[in-house]
Amino acid sequence: MASPENDLNELAITISTAIEKARQLKLPTSAYILSMVLVEVSEATKAAEDNVTDDAAQ
């Protein structure tokens, strides 16, 4: 069973690939929007990892 952290990491990889494709297609607005999404996913990944660490410490 996949963990939320693994799902978020997989999503980040997919978004990174989409950003690169948008840049290749010269779609700067799409690349920018995807970059902002990647920031959100990265922050969610960090929060999920911190939550796992906090749970393990208890």
Protein backbone atom coordinates (compact mmCIF):
# COMPACT_ATOMS: atom_id res chain seq x y z
CA MET A 1 0.00 0.00 0.00
CA ALA A 2 1.37 3.40 -0.98
CA SER A 3 1.92 5.98 1.72
CA PRO A 4 0.83 9.60 1.38
CA GLU A 5 4.50 10.61 1.24
CA ASN A 6 5.16 8.23 -1.65
CA ASP A 7 2.05 9.46 -3.46
CA LEU A 8 3.16 13.08 -3.03
CA ASN A 9 6.69 12.27 -4.21
CA GLU A 10 5.27 10.54 -7.29
CA LEU A 11 3.04 13.56 -7.94
CA ALA A 12 6.05 15.89 -7.63
CA ILE A 13 7.92 13.84 -10.25
CA THR A 14 4.93 13.95 -12.59
CA ILE A 15 4.58 17.72 -12.16
CA SER A 16 8.31 18.22 -12.77
CA THR A 17 7.99 16.28 -16.02
CA ALA A 18 5.00 18.42 -17.02
CA ILE A 19 6.95 21.61 -16.25
CA GLU A 20 9.78 20.49 -18.50
CA LYS A 21 7.34 19.65 -21.31
CA ALA A 22 5.61 23.04 -20.96
CA ARG A 23 9.00 24.75 -21.24
CA GLN A 24 9.87 22.70 -24.34
CA LEU A 25 6.56 23.74 -25.89
CA LYS A 26 7.27 27.37 -24.96
CA LEU A 27 4.26 27.63 -22.67
CA PRO A 28 5.65 29.91 -19.95
CA THR A 29 2.33 30.54 -18.19
CA SER A 30 1.69 26.82 -17.91
CA ALA A 31 5.23 26.23 -16.66
CA TYR A 32 4.77 28.96 -14.05
CA ILE A 33 1.44 27.57 -12.83
CA LEU A 34 2.88 24.06 -12.65
CA SER A 35 5.88 25.41 -10.74
CA MET A 36 3.55 26.93 -8.15
CA VAL A 37 1.74 23.60 -7.89
CA LEU A 38 5.08 21.87 -7.37
CA VAL A 39 5.84 24.26 -4.48
CA GLU A 40 2.50 23.35 -2.88
CA VAL A 41 3.14 19.62 -3.31
CA SER A 42 6.67 19.98 -1.93
CA GLU A 43 5.32 21.76 1.14
CA ALA A 44 2.66 19.08 1.60
CA THR A 45 5.33 16.38 1.29
CA LYS A 46 7.46 18.08 3.95
CA ALA A 47 4.45 18.42 6.26
CA ALA A 48 3.56 14.76 5.77
CA GLU A 49 7.15 13.72 6.50
CA ASP A 50 7.23 15.93 9.61
CA ASN A 51 3.95 14.38 10.75
CA VAL A 52 5.39 10.87 10.38
CA THR A 53 8.49 11.92 12.34
CA ASP A 54 6.34 13.47 15.08
CA ASP A 55 4.18 10.34 15.28
CA ALA A 56 7.24 8.10 15.53
CA ALA A 57 8.64 10.21 18.38
CA GLN A 58 5.51 9.75 20.51
